[in-house]
Amino acid sequence: QRSEPMERGQAAALLPLIAAVLAEAGRPASGLDLVAVTVGP
């Protein structure tokens, strides 16, 4: 699990952050069973 406060810049930060937690968990994206994301507001 990782979280970073930021007002902007999420577009550049999100995918590297996802890659980092997948690597730390020892799971490739192909090994996932479900993806959950916040949808707002």
PDB file of all heavy atoms in Angstrom:
ATOM      1  N   GLN A   1       0.838  -1.196   0.000  1.00  0.00           N
ATOM      2  CA  GLN A   1       0.000   0.000   0.000  1.00  0.00           C
ATOM      3  C   GLN A   1       0.870   1.243   0.000  1.00  0.00           C
ATOM      4  O   GLN A   1       1.848   1.317   0.753  1.00  0.00           O
ATOM      5  CB  GLN A   1      -0.910   0.023   1.232  1.00  0.00           C
ATOM      6  CG  GLN A   1      -1.777   1.260   1.344  1.00  0.00           C
ATOM      7  CD  GLN A   1      -2.766   1.167   2.489  1.00  0.00           C
ATOM      8  OE1 GLN A   1      -2.974   0.096   3.062  1.00  0.00           O
ATOM      9  NE2 GLN A   1      -3.398   2.273   2.822  1.00  0.00           N
ATOM     10  N   ARG A   2       0.520   2.210  -0.857  1.00  0.00           N
ATOM     11  CA  ARG A   2       1.240   3.480  -0.894  1.00  0.00           C
ATOM     12  C   ARG A   2       0.247   4.595  -1.199  1.00  0.00           C
ATOM     13  O   ARG A   2      -0.670   4.422  -2.002  1.00  0.00           O
ATOM     14  CB  ARG A   2       2.331   3.478  -1.965  1.00  0.00           C
ATOM     15  CG  ARG A   2       3.441   2.457  -1.730  1.00  0.00           C
ATOM     16  CD  ARG A   2       4.592   2.675  -2.682  1.00  0.00           C
ATOM     17  NE  ARG A   2       5.608   1.636  -2.546  1.00  0.00           N
ATOM     18  CZ  ARG A   2       6.783   1.656  -3.155  1.00  0.00           C
ATOM     19  NH1 ARG A   2       7.095   2.663  -3.951  1.00  0.00           N
ATOM     20  NH2 ARG A   2       7.646   0.673  -2.973  1.00  0.00           N
ATOM     21  N   SER A   3       0.434   5.736  -0.552  1.00  0.00           N
ATOM     22  CA  SER A   3      -0.391   6.916  -0.806  1.00  0.00           C
ATOM     23  C   SER A   3       0.484   8.150  -0.770  1.00  0.00           C
ATOM     24  O   SER A   3       1.399   8.247   0.059  1.00  0.00           O
ATOM     25  CB  SER A   3      -1.501   7.044   0.243  1.00  0.00           C
ATOM     26  OG  SER A   3      -2.445   6.007   0.131  1.00  0.00           O
ATOM     27  N   GLU A   4       0.205   9.089  -1.677  1.00  0.00           N
ATOM     28  CA  GLU A   4       0.960  10.328  -1.729  1.00  0.00           C
ATOM     29  C   GLU A   4      -0.006  11.491  -1.868  1.00  0.00           C
ATOM     30  O   GLU A   4      -0.843  11.488  -2.771  1.00  0.00           O
ATOM     31  CB  GLU A   4       1.925  10.330  -2.924  1.00  0.00           C
ATOM     32  CG  GLU A   4       2.970   9.225  -2.901  1.00  0.00           C
ATOM     33  CD  GLU A   4       3.825   9.215  -4.147  1.00  0.00           C
ATOM     34  OE1 GLU A   4       3.690  10.158  -4.966  1.00  0.00           O
ATOM     35  OE2 GLU A   4       4.618   8.279  -4.312  1.00  0.00           O
ATOM     36  N   PRO A   5       0.075  12.503  -0.980  1.00  0.00           N
ATOM     37  CA  PRO A   5      -0.760  13.695  -1.159  1.00  0.00           C
ATOM     38  C   PRO A   5      -0.269  14.501  -2.353  1.00  0.00           C
ATOM     39  O   PRO A   5       0.939  14.643  -2.569  1.00  0.00           O
ATOM     40  CB  PRO A   5      -0.581  14.456   0.151  1.00  0.00           C
ATOM     41  CG  PRO A   5       0.743  14.003   0.675  1.00  0.00           C
ATOM     42  CD  PRO A   5       0.914  12.580   0.224  1.00  0.00           C
ATOM     43  N   MET A   6      -1.178  15.025  -3.149  1.00  0.00           N
ATOM     44  CA  MET A   6      -0.826  15.891  -4.275  1.00  0.00           C
ATOM     45  C   MET A   6      -2.072  16.603  -4.775  1.00  0.00           C
ATOM     46  O   MET A   6      -3.158  16.026  -4.823  1.00  0.00           O
ATOM     47  CB  MET A   6      -0.170  15.091  -5.411  1.00  0.00           C
ATOM     48  CG  MET A   6      -1.002  13.969  -5.989  1.00  0.00           C
ATOM     49  SD  MET A   6      -0.114  13.049  -7.289  1.00  0.00           S
ATOM     50  CE  MET A   6       1.150  12.244  -6.324  1.00  0.00           C
ATOM     51  N   GLU A   7      -1.919  17.862  -5.092  1.00  0.00           N
ATOM     52  CA  GLU A   7      -3.018  18.643  -5.638  1.00  0.00           C
ATOM     53  C   GLU A   7      -3.199  18.373  -7.130  1.00  0.00           C
ATOM     54  O   GLU A   7      -4.304  18.413  -7.648  1.00  0.00           O
ATOM     55  CB  GLU A   7      -2.781  20.133  -5.405  1.00  0.00           C
ATOM     56  CG  GLU A   7      -2.888  20.560  -3.950  1.00  0.00           C
ATOM     57  CD  GLU A   7      -4.316  20.545  -3.441  1.00  0.00           C
ATOM     58  OE1 GLU A   7      -5.238  20.559  -4.266  1.00  0.00           O
ATOM     59  OE2 GLU A   7      -4.505  20.518  -2.208  1.00  0.00           O
ATOM     60  N   ARG A   8      -2.096  18.127  -7.815  1.00  0.00           N
ATOM     61  CA  ARG A   8      -2.141  17.822  -9.246  1.00  0.00           C
ATOM     62  C   ARG A   8      -0.967  16.912  -9.577  1.00  0.00           C
ATOM     63  O   ARG A   8      -0.089  16.700  -8.752  1.00  0.00           O
ATOM     64  CB  ARG A   8      -2.102  19.098 -10.093  1.00  0.00           C
ATOM     65  CG  ARG A   8      -0.953  20.016  -9.782  1.00  0.00           C
ATOM     66  CD  ARG A   8      -1.019  21.292 -10.593  1.00  0.00           C
ATOM     67  NE  ARG A   8      -2.230  22.033 -10.346  1.00  0.00           N
ATOM     68  CZ  ARG A   8      -2.383  22.907  -9.348  1.00  0.00           C
ATOM     69  NH1 ARG A   8      -1.362  23.143  -8.525  1.00  0.00           N
ATOM     70  NH2 ARG A   8      -3.499  23.545  -9.194  1.00  0.00           N
ATOM     71  N   GLY A   9      -0.964  16.360 -10.779  1.00  0.00           N
ATOM     72  CA  GLY A   9       0.107  15.465 -11.174  1.00  0.00           C
ATOM     73  C   GLY A   9      -0.249  14.000 -11.078  1.00  0.00           C
ATOM     74  O   GLY A   9       0.593  13.130 -11.278  1.00  0.00           O
ATOM     75  N   GLN A  10      -1.539  13.712 -10.805  1.00  0.00           N
ATOM     76  CA  GLN A  10      -1.954  12.315 -10.680  1.00  0.00           C
ATOM     77  C   GLN A  10      -1.749  11.528 -11.971  1.00  0.00           C
ATOM     78  O   GLN A  10      -1.480  10.328 -11.931  1.00  0.00           O
ATOM     79  CB  GLN A  10      -3.423  12.239 -10.256  1.00  0.00           C
ATOM     80  CG  GLN A  10      -3.680  12.626  -8.810  1.00  0.00           C
ATOM     81  CD  GLN A  10      -3.960  14.108  -8.645  1.00  0.00           C
ATOM     82  OE1 GLN A  10      -3.586  14.912  -9.492  1.00  0.00           O
ATOM     83  NE2 GLN A  10      -4.619  14.480  -7.557  1.00  0.00           N
ATOM     84  N   ALA A  11      -1.867  12.195 -13.098  1.00  0.00           N
ATOM     85  CA  ALA A  11      -1.718  11.506 -14.383  1.00  0.00           C
ATOM     86  C   ALA A  11      -0.339  10.873 -14.510  1.00  0.00           C
ATOM     87  O   ALA A  11      -0.192   9.764 -15.032  1.00  0.00           O
ATOM     88  CB  ALA A  11      -1.960  12.487 -15.533  1.00  0.00           C
ATOM     89  N   ALA A  12       0.676  11.583 -14.031  1.00  0.00           N
ATOM     90  CA  ALA A  12       2.032  11.055 -14.112  1.00  0.00           C
ATOM     91  C   ALA A  12       2.330  10.080 -12.983  1.00  0.00           C
ATOM     92  O   ALA A  12       3.156   9.180 -13.132  1.00  0.00           O
ATOM     93  CB  ALA A  12       3.033  12.208 -14.084  1.00  0.00           C
ATOM     94  N   ALA A  13       1.658  10.235 -11.848  1.00  0.00           N
ATOM     95  CA  ALA A  13       2.003   9.450 -10.666  1.00  0.00           C
ATOM     96  C   ALA A  13       1.291   8.100 -10.592  1.00  0.00           C
ATOM     97  O   ALA A  13       1.820   7.154  -9.992  1.00  0.00           O
ATOM     98  CB  ALA A  13       1.685  10.255  -9.405  1.00  0.00           C
ATOM     99  N   LEU A  14       0.088   7.986 -11.168  1.00  0.00           N
ATOM    100  CA  LEU A  14      -0.745   6.819 -10.899  1.00  0.00           C
ATOM    101  C   LEU A  14      -0.135   5.502 -11.364  1.00  0.00           C
ATOM    102  O   LEU A  14      -0.005   4.555 -10.578  1.00  0.00           O
ATOM    103  CB  LEU A  14      -2.131   6.999 -11.535  1.00  0.00           C
ATOM    104  CG  LEU A  14      -3.087   5.814 -11.327  1.00  0.00           C
ATOM    105  CD1 LEU A  14      -3.347   5.575  -9.851  1.00  0.00           C
ATOM    106  CD2 LEU A  14      -4.381   6.034 -12.094  1.00  0.00           C
ATOM    107  N   LEU A  15       0.219   5.388 -12.624  1.00  0.00           N
ATOM    108  CA  LEU A  15       0.699   4.103 -13.127  1.00  0.00           C
ATOM    109  C   LEU A  15       2.004   3.661 -12.465  1.00  0.00           C
ATOM    110  O   LEU A  15       2.151   2.474 -12.126  1.00  0.00           O
ATOM    111  CB  LEU A  15       0.827   4.147 -14.648  1.00  0.00           C
ATOM    112  CG  LEU A  15      -0.515   4.226 -15.402  1.00  0.00           C
ATOM    113  CD1 LEU A  15      -0.285   4.242 -16.907  1.00  0.00           C
ATOM    114  CD2 LEU A  15      -1.438   3.078 -15.013  1.00  0.00           C
ATOM    115  N   PRO A  16       2.993   4.565 -12.246  1.00  0.00           N
ATOM    116  CA  PRO A  16       4.176   4.129 -11.489  1.00  0.00           C
ATOM    117  C   PRO A  16       3.828   3.676 -10.068  1.00  0.00           C
ATOM    118  O   PRO A  16       4.441   2.734  -9.548  1.00  0.00           O
ATOM    119  CB  PRO A  16       5.057   5.375 -11.476  1.00  0.00           C
ATOM    120  CG  PRO A  16       4.659   6.136 -12.690  1.00  0.00           C
ATOM    121  CD  PRO A  16       3.181   5.910 -12.824  1.00  0.00           C
ATOM    122  N   LEU A  17       2.851   4.311  -9.446  1.00  0.00           N
ATOM    123  CA  LEU A  17       2.444   3.918  -8.099  1.00  0.00           C
ATOM    124  C   LEU A  17       1.811   2.531  -8.112  1.00  0.00           C
ATOM    125  O   LEU A  17       2.093   1.689  -7.248  1.00  0.00           O
ATOM    126  CB  LEU A  17       1.465   4.942  -7.541  1.00  0.00           C
ATOM    127  CG  LEU A  17       1.176   4.880  -6.040  1.00  0.00           C
ATOM    128  CD1 LEU A  17       2.436   5.191  -5.243  1.00  0.00           C
ATOM    129  CD2 LEU A  17       0.067   5.855  -5.677  1.00  0.00           C
ATOM    130  N   ILE A  18       0.969   2.273  -9.108  1.00  0.00           N
ATOM    131  CA  ILE A  18       0.365   0.945  -9.246  1.00  0.00           C
ATOM    132  C   ILE A  18       1.443  -0.101  -9.489  1.00  0.00           C
ATOM    133  O   ILE A  18       1.429  -1.183  -8.885  1.00  0.00           O
ATOM    134  CB  ILE A  18      -0.665   0.952 -10.397  1.00  0.00           C
ATOM    135  CG1 ILE A  18      -1.902   1.755  -9.982  1.00  0.00           C
ATOM    136  CG2 ILE A  18      -1.064  -0.474 -10.784  1.00  0.00           C
ATOM    137  CD1 ILE A  18      -2.902   1.954 -11.101  1.00  0.00           C
ATOM    138  N   ALA A  19       2.391   0.208 -10.370  1.00  0.00           N
ATOM    139  CA  ALA A  19       3.484  -0.735 -10.635  1.00  0.00           C
ATOM    140  C   ALA A  19       4.287  -1.026  -9.373  1.00  0.00           C
ATOM    141  O   ALA A  19       4.702  -2.165  -9.136  1.00  0.00           O
ATOM    142  CB  ALA A  19       4.396  -0.176 -11.731  1.00  0.00           C
ATOM    143  N   ALA A  20       4.471  -0.005  -8.546  1.00  0.00           N
ATOM    144  CA  ALA A  20       5.254  -0.182  -7.318  1.00  0.00           C
ATOM    145  C   ALA A  20       4.553  -1.105  -6.331  1.00  0.00           C
ATOM    146  O   ALA A  20       5.184  -1.977  -5.731  1.00  0.00           O
ATOM    147  CB  ALA A  20       5.526   1.178  -6.677  1.00  0.00           C
ATOM    148  N   VAL A  21       3.245  -0.936  -6.143  1.00  0.00           N
ATOM    149  CA  VAL A  21       2.551  -1.795  -5.169  1.00  0.00           C
ATOM    150  C   VAL A  21       2.402  -3.222  -5.702  1.00  0.00           C
ATOM    151  O   VAL A  21       2.458  -4.189  -4.930  1.00  0.00           O
ATOM    152  CB  VAL A  21       1.172  -1.216  -4.761  1.00  0.00           C
ATOM    153  CG1 VAL A  21       1.346   0.091  -4.003  1.00  0.00           C
ATOM    154  CG2 VAL A  21       0.235  -1.054  -5.937  1.00  0.00           C
ATOM    155  N   LEU A  22       2.252  -3.379  -7.008  1.00  0.00           N
ATOM    156  CA  LEU A  22       2.201  -4.725  -7.576  1.00  0.00           C
ATOM    157  C   LEU A  22       3.535  -5.438  -7.380  1.00  0.00           C
ATOM    158  O   LEU A  22       3.577  -6.622  -7.008  1.00  0.00           O
ATOM    159  CB  LEU A  22       1.839  -4.667  -9.053  1.00  0.00           C
ATOM    160  CG  LEU A  22       0.393  -4.294  -9.399  1.00  0.00           C
ATOM    161  CD1 LEU A  22       0.242  -4.116 -10.905  1.00  0.00           C
ATOM    162  CD2 LEU A  22      -0.580  -5.351  -8.891  1.00  0.00           C
ATOM    163  N   ALA A  23       4.633  -4.707  -7.606  1.00  0.00           N
ATOM    164  CA  ALA A  23       5.958  -5.308  -7.420  1.00  0.00           C
ATOM    165  C   ALA A  23       6.199  -5.660  -5.953  1.00  0.00           C
ATOM    166  O   ALA A  23       6.727  -6.729  -5.633  1.00  0.00           O
ATOM    167  CB  ALA A  23       7.036  -4.344  -7.920  1.00  0.00           C
ATOM    168  N   GLU A  24       5.794  -4.759  -5.057  1.00  0.00           N
ATOM    169  CA  GLU A  24       5.980  -5.018  -3.634  1.00  0.00           C
ATOM    170  C   GLU A  24       5.157  -6.219  -3.180  1.00  0.00           C
ATOM    171  O   GLU A  24       5.605  -7.002  -2.329  1.00  0.00           O
ATOM    172  CB  GLU A  24       5.576  -3.776  -2.840  1.00  0.00           C
ATOM    173  CG  GLU A  24       5.822  -3.895  -1.343  1.00  0.00           C
ATOM    174  CD  GLU A  24       5.441  -2.635  -0.602  1.00  0.00           C
ATOM    175  OE1 GLU A  24       5.383  -1.559  -1.234  1.00  0.00           O
ATOM    176  OE2 GLU A  24       5.199  -2.714   0.619  1.00  0.00           O
ATOM    177  N   ALA A  25       3.963  -6.386  -3.754  1.00  0.00           N
ATOM    178  CA  ALA A  25       3.106  -7.515  -3.391  1.00  0.00           C
ATOM    179  C   ALA A  25       3.519  -8.796  -4.094  1.00  0.00           C
ATOM    180  O   ALA A  25       3.007  -9.875  -3.760  1.00  0.00           O
ATOM    181  CB  ALA A  25       1.651  -7.196  -3.734  1.00  0.00           C
ATOM    182  N   GLY A  26       4.430  -8.696  -5.079  1.00  0.00           N
ATOM    183  CA  GLY A  26       4.863  -9.876  -5.820  1.00  0.00           C
ATOM    184  C   GLY A  26       3.804 -10.403  -6.759  1.00  0.00           C
ATOM    185  O   GLY A  26       3.733 -11.619  -7.006  1.00  0.00           O
ATOM    186  N   ARG A  27       2.984  -9.486  -7.307  1.00  0.00           N
ATOM    187  CA  ARG A  27       1.912  -9.884  -8.212  1.00  0.00           C
ATOM    188  C   ARG A  27       1.991  -9.074  -9.499  1.00  0.00           C
ATOM    189  O   ARG A  27       1.992  -7.839  -9.463  1.00  0.00           O
ATOM    190  CB  ARG A  27       0.537  -9.640  -7.572  1.00  0.00           C
ATOM    191  CG  ARG A  27       0.201 -10.589  -6.439  1.00  0.00           C
ATOM    192  CD  ARG A  27      -0.083 -11.987  -6.985  1.00  0.00           C
ATOM    193  NE  ARG A  27      -0.617 -12.859  -5.972  1.00  0.00           N
ATOM    194  CZ  ARG A  27       0.113 -13.548  -5.103  1.00  0.00           C
ATOM    195  NH1 ARG A  27       1.443 -13.435  -5.120  1.00  0.00           N
ATOM    196  NH2 ARG A  27      -0.454 -14.334  -4.212  1.00  0.00           N
ATOM    197  N   PRO A  28       2.042  -9.721 -10.668  1.00  0.00           N
ATOM    198  CA  PRO A  28       1.937  -8.982 -11.923  1.00  0.00           C
ATOM    199  C   PRO A  28       0.488  -8.569 -12.154  1.00  0.00           C
ATOM    200  O   PRO A  28      -0.436  -9.102 -11.522  1.00  0.00           O
ATOM    201  CB  PRO A  28       2.387 -10.008 -12.963  1.00  0.00           C
ATOM    202  CG  PRO A  28       1.994 -11.325 -12.364  1.00  0.00           C
ATOM    203  CD  PRO A  28       2.170 -11.176 -10.890  1.00  0.00           C
ATOM    204  N   ALA A  29       0.273  -7.632 -13.038  1.00  0.00           N
ATOM    205  CA  ALA A  29      -1.093  -7.213 -13.349  1.00  0.00           C
ATOM    206  C   ALA A  29      -1.930  -8.381 -13.858  1.00  0.00           C
ATOM    207  O   ALA A  29      -3.132  -8.454 -13.606  1.00  0.00           O
ATOM    208  CB  ALA A  29      -1.064  -6.085 -14.383  1.00  0.00           C
ATOM    209  N   SER A  30      -1.279  -9.313 -14.542  1.00  0.00           N
ATOM    210  CA  SER A  30      -1.989 -10.487 -15.058  1.00  0.00           C
ATOM    211  C   SER A  30      -2.434 -11.430 -13.948  1.00  0.00           C
ATOM    212  O   SER A  30      -3.262 -12.317 -14.166  1.00  0.00           O
ATOM    213  CB  SER A  30      -1.111 -11.247 -16.048  1.00  0.00           C
ATOM    214  OG  SER A  30       0.092 -11.667 -15.418  1.00  0.00           O
ATOM    215  N   GLY A  31      -1.894 -11.238 -12.735  1.00  0.00           N
ATOM    216  CA  GLY A  31      -2.263 -12.088 -11.619  1.00  0.00           C
ATOM    217  C   GLY A  31      -3.380 -11.526 -10.765  1.00  0.00           C
ATOM    218  O   GLY A  31      -3.742 -12.115  -9.742  1.00  0.00           O
ATOM    219  N   LEU A  32      -3.949 -10.379 -11.172  1.00  0.00           N
ATOM    220  CA  LEU A  32      -5.056  -9.783 -10.427  1.00  0.00           C
ATOM    221  C   LEU A  32      -6.366 -10.493 -10.731  1.00  0.00           C
ATOM    222  O   LEU A  32      -6.567 -11.026 -11.820  1.00  0.00           O
ATOM    223  CB  LEU A  32      -5.194  -8.297 -10.779  1.00  0.00           C
ATOM    224  CG  LEU A  32      -4.042  -7.375 -10.374  1.00  0.00           C
ATOM    225  CD1 LEU A  32      -4.221  -5.999 -11.002  1.00  0.00           C
ATOM    226  CD2 LEU A  32      -3.957  -7.267  -8.851  1.00  0.00           C
ATOM    227  N   ASP A  33      -7.279 -10.459  -9.760  1.00  0.00           N
ATOM    228  CA  ASP A  33      -8.628 -10.994  -9.944  1.00  0.00           C
ATOM    229  C   ASP A  33      -9.678  -9.902 -10.064  1.00  0.00           C
ATOM    230  O   ASP A  33     -10.776 -10.152 -10.582  1.00  0.00           O
ATOM    231  CB  ASP A  33      -9.004 -11.905  -8.761  1.00  0.00           C
ATOM    232  CG  ASP A  33      -8.094 -13.111  -8.665  1.00  0.00           C
ATOM    233  OD1 ASP A  33      -8.100 -13.928  -9.600  1.00  0.00           O
ATOM    234  OD2 ASP A  33      -7.354 -13.222  -7.658  1.00  0.00           O
ATOM    235  N   LEU A  34      -9.357  -8.690  -9.587  1.00  0.00           N
ATOM    236  CA  LEU A  34     -10.329  -7.605  -9.568  1.00  0.00           C
ATOM    237  C   LEU A  34      -9.593  -6.278  -9.422  1.00  0.00           C
ATOM    238  O   LEU A  34      -8.570  -6.200  -8.745  1.00  0.00           O
ATOM    239  CB  LEU A  34     -11.299  -7.786  -8.390  1.00  0.00           C
ATOM    240  CG  LEU A  34     -12.400  -6.743  -8.205  1.00  0.00           C
ATOM    241  CD1 LEU A  34     -13.440  -6.863  -9.315  1.00  0.00           C
ATOM    242  CD2 LEU A  34     -13.077  -6.911  -6.839  1.00  0.00           C
ATOM    243  N   VAL A  35     -10.131  -5.255 -10.072  1.00  0.00           N
ATOM    244  CA  VAL A  35      -9.635  -3.886  -9.930  1.00  0.00           C
ATOM    245  C   VAL A  35     -10.764  -3.025  -9.387  1.00  0.00           C
ATOM    246  O   VAL A  35     -11.898  -3.098  -9.886  1.00  0.00           O
ATOM    247  CB  VAL A  35      -9.139  -3.314 -11.268  1.00  0.00           C
ATOM    248  CG1 VAL A  35      -8.705  -1.860 -11.112  1.00  0.00           C
ATOM    249  CG2 VAL A  35      -7.988  -4.141 -11.824  1.00  0.00           C
ATOM    250  N   ALA A  36     -10.478  -2.212  -8.381  1.00  0.00           N
ATOM    251  CA  ALA A  36     -11.459  -1.288  -7.811  1.00  0.00           C
ATOM    252  C   ALA A  36     -10.885   0.118  -7.842  1.00  0.00           C
ATOM    253  O   ALA A  36      -9.703   0.325  -7.538  1.00  0.00           O
ATOM    254  CB  ALA A  36     -11.811  -1.687  -6.388  1.00  0.00           C
ATOM    255  N   VAL A  37     -11.708   1.098  -8.193  1.00  0.00           N
ATOM    256  CA  VAL A  37     -11.239   2.471  -8.328  1.00  0.00           C
ATOM    257  C   VAL A  37     -12.319   3.420  -7.825  1.00  0.00           C
ATOM    258  O   VAL A  37     -13.514   3.145  -7.938  1.00  0.00           O
ATOM    259  CB  VAL A  37     -10.902   2.778  -9.808  1.00  0.00           C
ATOM    260  CG1 VAL A  37     -12.132   2.660 -10.704  1.00  0.00           C
ATOM    261  CG2 VAL A  37     -10.283   4.166  -9.955  1.00  0.00           C
ATOM    262  N   THR A  38     -11.891   4.546  -7.244  1.00  0.00           N
ATOM    263  CA  THR A  38     -12.852   5.561  -6.856  1.00  0.00           C
ATOM    264  C   THR A  38     -13.376   6.278  -8.099  1.00  0.00           C
ATOM    265  O   THR A  38     -12.626   6.565  -9.030  1.00  0.00           O
ATOM    266  CB  THR A  38     -12.230   6.601  -5.906  1.00  0.00           C
ATOM    267  OG1 THR A  38     -10.993   7.061  -6.454  1.00  0.00           O
ATOM    268  CG2 THR A  38     -11.977   6.002  -4.534  1.00  0.00           C
ATOM    269  N   VAL A  39     -14.685   6.575  -8.087  1.00  0.00           N
ATOM    270  CA  VAL A  39     -15.330   7.178  -9.254  1.00  0.00           C
ATOM    271  C   VAL A  39     -15.878   8.568  -8.967  1.00  0.00           C
ATOM    272  O   VAL A  39     -16.596   9.139  -9.760  1.00  0.00           O
ATOM    273  CB  VAL A  39     -16.451   6.271  -9.789  1.00  0.00           C
ATOM    274  CG1 VAL A  39     -15.896   4.957 -10.301  1.00  0.00           C
ATOM    275  CG2 VAL A  39     -17.528   6.020  -8.722  1.00  0.00           C
ATOM    276  N   GLY A  40     -15.534   9.133  -7.810  1.00  0.00           N
ATOM    277  CA  GLY A  40     -15.949  10.481  -7.509  1.00  0.00           C
ATOM    278  C   GLY A  40     -17.075  10.549  -6.489  1.00  0.00           C
ATOM    279  O   GLY A  40     -17.493   9.519  -5.959  1.00  0.00           O
ATOM    280  N   PRO A  41     -17.499  11.778  -6.245  1.00  0.00           N
ATOM    281  CA  PRO A  41     -17.085  13.006  -6.935  1.00  0.00           C
ATOM    282  C   PRO A  41     -15.655  13.411  -6.584  1.00  0.00           C
ATOM    283  O   PRO A  41     -15.117  12.991  -5.572  1.00  0.00           O
ATOM    284  CB  PRO A  41     -18.105  14.044  -6.460  1.00  0.00           C
ATOM    285  CG  PRO A  41     -18.557  13.543  -5.129  1.00  0.00           C
ATOM    286  CD  PRO A  41     -18.529  12.055  -5.213  1.00  0.00           C
TER     287      PRO A  41
END
